[in-house]
Amino acid sequence: ESGEPAVYVDSAVGDIAVVTDVFTMIGGKFVNVISDKLSTVREAYVYAEDIDSDGVVELPAVMTMRPPYGPGSSSMQRLVRWYAVNADGVACVKQHTFHNFYAGWYMILDSRWAERVAVVQQGNAYIFSVWNEEQTRADTIFTVYAITGTDRKEQAQADGRFALGEDDTVLYAAYLEANAADYQLTEEIIIDQFHLIHQDWKTEEVSK
C-alpha cells in the first residue's frame, strides 16, 4: 500500500488453511512485513488478489456473519474483508465482498454497513439483509437469484427482477427489496457490484 514492490508467498497450513507472508526490501534487507500482530491465516480457498484493481494486492480475511432469522437459520459464512499492508506491516481495509465460491460469483458491499450483512440461501435465492447498528433488527435489502432453464431470460425480468450476468448455464438476476433505498441501493449499483468468478488458466484457482 505504501508503494514498494513486494513478494506475496502463500503457504499451506495443514489441508484446510493458508497463510500469506509479504516480503519487501527495507534498508537493503529482504524483510517479511507480516508480524505476529497481523494474522493472515484463512481458509484455503481464499487467495490474495488485487480485488479493487488499484495495482495493490489485497489480503482476504473471512468473517462470520450473524444469521438474521435466529440461531437455527442457514447463513452463508462467506463475508470477506480485503485489506492491504504497507512496509511497516500496518493493515488498511480496502473492500468488503460476499463471495459465493461454490456458485462462482461475488458481490461488492458498501463498507459502511458490510460487516453487519447476513446472507441466507433459500433454493435459488440469496437474500441479503443488514443488521441495524443496535443489532436488534435485520433489514432485507436485495435478493440475488441463480436462474437456470431455457426460459431464464424471461424469468430474470419477471416480477421486478433485473439481470446481473450469466455463464453457460446460469443467469443471475436481482430484486431490490423494500429497504434498499434506506441503504442507497439502485439497480445500477447492484449490477456494478456483481461479479462472476473466473478460473485462472495457469493455476486453475478462482479469481475475479
Protein backbone atom coordinates (compact mmCIF):
# COMPACT_ATOMS: atom_id res chain seq x y z
CA GLU A 1 0.00 0.00 0.00
CA SER A 2 2.96 2.33 0.59
CA GLY A 3 4.28 1.76 -2.95
CA GLU A 4 7.19 -0.67 -2.58
CA PRO A 5 7.44 -3.78 -4.80
CA ALA A 6 6.68 -6.88 -2.76
CA VAL A 7 6.58 -10.67 -2.98
CA TYR A 8 3.49 -12.44 -1.62
CA VAL A 9 4.07 -16.04 -0.55
CA ASP A 10 1.19 -18.41 0.26
CA SER A 11 1.94 -21.46 2.39
CA ALA A 12 -0.34 -24.35 3.28
CA VAL A 13 -1.34 -24.84 6.92
CA GLY A 14 -2.41 -28.46 7.02
CA ASP A 15 -5.09 -29.29 4.47
CA ILE A 16 -7.63 -26.60 5.30
CA ALA A 17 -5.84 -23.26 5.60
CA VAL A 18 -3.28 -20.98 4.00
CA VAL A 19 -1.07 -18.22 5.41
CA THR A 20 0.46 -15.34 3.44
CA ASP A 21 3.83 -13.70 4.07
CA VAL A 22 4.71 -10.40 2.39
CA PHE A 23 8.37 -9.64 1.67
CA THR A 24 9.94 -6.35 0.55
CA MET A 25 13.36 -4.65 0.61
CA ILE A 26 13.91 -2.45 3.67
CA GLY A 27 17.38 -0.98 4.29
CA GLY A 28 18.94 -3.44 1.86
CA LYS A 29 17.38 -6.46 3.55
CA PHE A 30 14.61 -8.77 2.31
CA VAL A 31 12.08 -8.42 5.15
CA ASN A 32 8.77 -10.11 5.95
CA VAL A 33 6.48 -7.24 6.95
CA ILE A 34 3.80 -9.55 8.40
CA SER A 35 4.24 -9.60 12.16
CA ASP A 36 2.67 -11.71 14.89
CA LYS A 37 0.15 -8.89 15.43
CA LEU A 38 -1.34 -9.37 11.96
CA SER A 39 -2.72 -12.84 11.23
CA THR A 40 -3.03 -13.76 7.55
CA VAL A 41 -4.27 -17.32 8.16
CA ARG A 42 -7.58 -18.13 6.44
CA GLU A 43 -9.46 -20.93 4.72
CA ALA A 44 -7.50 -22.46 1.87
CA TYR A 45 -9.80 -21.47 -0.99
CA VAL A 46 -9.47 -17.69 -0.45
CA TYR A 47 -6.41 -16.21 -2.14
CA ALA A 48 -4.76 -12.79 -2.19
CA GLU A 49 -5.55 -10.68 -5.25
CA ASP A 50 -5.97 -7.11 -6.41
CA ILE A 51 -9.70 -7.18 -5.69
CA ASP A 52 -10.30 -3.48 -6.45
CA SER A 53 -7.92 -3.23 -9.46
CA ASP A 54 -5.86 -0.38 -7.96
CA GLY A 55 -2.47 -2.04 -8.54
CA VAL A 56 -2.06 -3.20 -4.91
CA VAL A 57 -2.53 -6.82 -3.86
CA GLU A 58 -5.12 -7.21 -1.09
CA LEU A 59 -5.24 -9.99 1.50
CA PRO A 60 -8.58 -11.60 2.44
CA ALA A 61 -9.98 -12.16 5.91
CA VAL A 62 -13.09 -14.36 6.03
CA MET A 63 -15.66 -13.11 8.54
CA THR A 64 -18.58 -14.91 10.20
CA MET A 65 -21.98 -13.36 9.57
CA ARG A 66 -24.75 -13.29 12.14
CA PRO A 67 -27.87 -15.11 10.81
CA PRO A 68 -30.88 -12.76 10.54
CA TYR A 69 -33.55 -15.30 11.49
CA GLY A 70 -32.20 -16.72 14.74
CA PRO A 71 -29.51 -19.27 15.59
CA GLY A 72 -31.16 -22.06 13.62
CA SER A 73 -31.20 -20.26 10.25
CA SER A 74 -28.92 -21.22 7.39
CA SER A 75 -26.36 -18.49 6.72
CA MET A 76 -23.66 -18.37 4.05
CA GLN A 77 -20.47 -17.64 6.02
CA ARG A 78 -18.52 -16.02 3.20
CA LEU A 79 -18.18 -12.33 4.01
CA VAL A 80 -14.64 -11.27 3.09
CA ARG A 81 -12.81 -8.18 4.32
CA TRP A 82 -9.97 -7.26 1.93
CA TYR A 83 -7.00 -5.31 3.26
CA ALA A 84 -3.61 -4.16 2.03
CA VAL A 85 -0.44 -3.82 4.10
CA ASN A 86 2.33 -1.23 3.94
CA ALA A 87 6.07 -1.64 4.51
CA ASP A 88 5.53 -1.19 8.27
CA GLY A 89 3.09 -4.12 8.35
CA VAL A 90 0.09 -1.87 9.01
CA ALA A 91 -3.20 -3.08 7.53
CA CYS A 92 -5.56 -0.86 5.54
CA VAL A 93 -9.08 -2.16 4.82
CA LYS A 94 -9.90 -1.63 1.15
CA GLN A 95 -13.12 -3.50 0.36
CA HIS A 96 -15.77 -5.94 1.60
CA THR A 97 -17.35 -8.67 -0.50
CA PHE A 98 -19.77 -11.54 -0.19
CA HIS A 99 -18.08 -14.43 -2.01
CA ASN A 100 -20.05 -17.46 -3.13
CA PHE A 101 -17.14 -19.64 -4.21
CA TYR A 102 -19.25 -22.72 -4.83
CA ALA A 103 -21.62 -20.95 -7.22
CA GLY A 104 -18.90 -18.80 -8.80
CA TRP A 105 -19.88 -15.19 -8.07
CA TYR A 106 -19.29 -12.40 -5.60
CA MET A 107 -20.89 -9.11 -4.62
CA ILE A 108 -19.04 -5.95 -3.54
CA LEU A 109 -20.65 -4.46 -0.42
CA ASP A 110 -20.70 -0.92 0.92
CA SER A 111 -18.05 -0.82 3.66
CA ARG A 112 -20.25 1.46 5.78
CA TRP A 113 -22.53 -1.48 6.59
CA ALA A 114 -20.84 -4.54 5.09
CA GLU A 115 -19.79 -6.03 8.43
CA ARG A 116 -23.47 -6.10 9.50
CA VAL A 117 -24.59 -8.08 6.44
CA ALA A 118 -26.18 -11.53 6.61
CA VAL A 119 -26.97 -13.75 3.62
CA VAL A 120 -29.37 -16.67 3.66
CA GLN A 121 -29.88 -19.10 0.78
CA GLN A 122 -33.43 -20.29 0.07
CA GLY A 123 -33.44 -22.50 -3.01
CA ASN A 124 -32.00 -20.50 -5.90
CA ALA A 125 -32.35 -17.21 -3.99
CA TYR A 126 -29.68 -15.49 -1.85
CA ILE A 127 -31.34 -13.00 0.48
CA PHE A 128 -29.15 -10.09 1.68
CA SER A 129 -30.03 -8.38 4.95
CA VAL A 130 -28.31 -5.75 7.10
CA TRP A 131 -28.47 -5.61 10.89
CA ASN A 132 -29.09 -2.15 12.33
CA GLU A 133 -26.34 -0.65 14.48
CA GLU A 134 -28.08 -1.80 17.67
CA GLN A 135 -28.17 -5.38 16.31
CA THR A 136 -31.89 -5.59 17.10
CA ARG A 137 -33.35 -5.74 13.58
CA ALA A 138 -32.20 -7.07 10.21
CA ASP A 139 -33.49 -5.20 7.14
CA THR A 140 -33.79 -7.18 3.91
CA ILE A 141 -32.20 -5.07 1.15
CA PHE A 142 -31.92 -7.19 -2.01
CA THR A 143 -32.05 -10.75 -3.32
CA VAL A 144 -29.83 -12.45 -5.91
CA TYR A 145 -31.34 -15.28 -7.98
CA ALA A 146 -29.47 -18.04 -9.84
CA ILE A 147 -31.83 -18.97 -12.68
CA THR A 148 -31.47 -21.97 -14.98
CA GLY A 149 -33.63 -23.39 -17.76
CA THR A 150 -34.43 -22.37 -21.31
CA ASP A 151 -36.67 -19.50 -20.19
CA ARG A 152 -34.13 -17.99 -17.78
CA LYS A 153 -34.01 -14.64 -19.62
CA GLU A 154 -37.74 -14.24 -19.21
CA GLN A 155 -37.57 -15.29 -15.54
CA ALA A 156 -34.76 -12.80 -14.89
CA GLN A 157 -37.00 -9.91 -15.93
CA ALA A 158 -40.22 -11.09 -14.29
CA ASP A 159 -41.74 -9.74 -11.05
CA GLY A 160 -39.45 -6.73 -10.82
CA ARG A 161 -36.18 -8.64 -11.22
CA PHE A 162 -33.29 -7.41 -13.39
CA ALA A 163 -30.37 -9.30 -14.95
CA LEU A 164 -26.86 -9.19 -13.42
CA GLY A 165 -24.79 -11.53 -15.58
CA GLU A 166 -24.63 -15.08 -16.87
CA ASP A 167 -22.36 -18.01 -17.59
CA ASP A 168 -23.02 -21.02 -19.84
CA THR A 169 -25.92 -22.43 -17.80
CA VAL A 170 -26.97 -19.86 -15.18
CA LEU A 171 -28.37 -16.35 -15.48
CA TYR A 172 -28.10 -14.24 -12.33
CA ALA A 173 -30.75 -11.68 -11.51
CA ALA A 174 -31.57 -9.44 -8.55
CA TYR A 175 -34.55 -7.82 -6.91
CA LEU A 176 -34.47 -4.67 -4.78
CA GLU A 177 -36.34 -5.20 -1.52
CA ALA A 178 -38.38 -2.54 0.27
CA ASN A 179 -35.47 -1.41 2.46
CA ALA A 180 -32.99 -0.99 -0.43
CA ALA A 181 -33.49 2.78 -0.65
CA ASP A 182 -32.51 3.18 3.02
CA TYR A 183 -29.05 1.91 2.05
CA GLN A 184 -28.77 3.99 -1.16
CA LEU A 185 -29.04 0.93 -3.39
CA THR A 186 -30.22 1.13 -7.00
CA GLU A 187 -30.35 -1.33 -9.89
CA GLU A 188 -27.27 0.30 -11.41
CA ILE A 189 -25.27 -0.09 -8.19
CA ILE A 190 -26.24 -3.76 -7.76
CA ILE A 191 -25.31 -4.54 -11.38
CA ASP A 192 -21.95 -2.78 -10.99
CA GLN A 193 -21.19 -4.60 -7.72
CA PHE A 194 -21.93 -8.10 -9.03
CA HIS A 195 -19.02 -10.13 -10.48
CA LEU A 196 -18.55 -13.66 -11.75
CA ILE A 197 -15.52 -15.63 -10.50
CA HIS A 198 -13.44 -16.99 -13.38
CA GLN A 199 -10.86 -19.78 -13.42
CA ASP A 200 -7.21 -18.77 -13.72
CA TRP A 201 -5.80 -20.55 -16.78
CA LYS A 202 -2.38 -21.15 -15.18
CA THR A 203 -3.20 -22.31 -11.67
CA GLU A 204 -6.85 -23.36 -12.06
CA GLU A 205 -7.54 -21.33 -8.93
CA VAL A 206 -10.54 -18.99 -8.77
CA SER A 207 -10.05 -15.30 -9.38
CA LYS A 208 -12.31 -12.33 -10.08
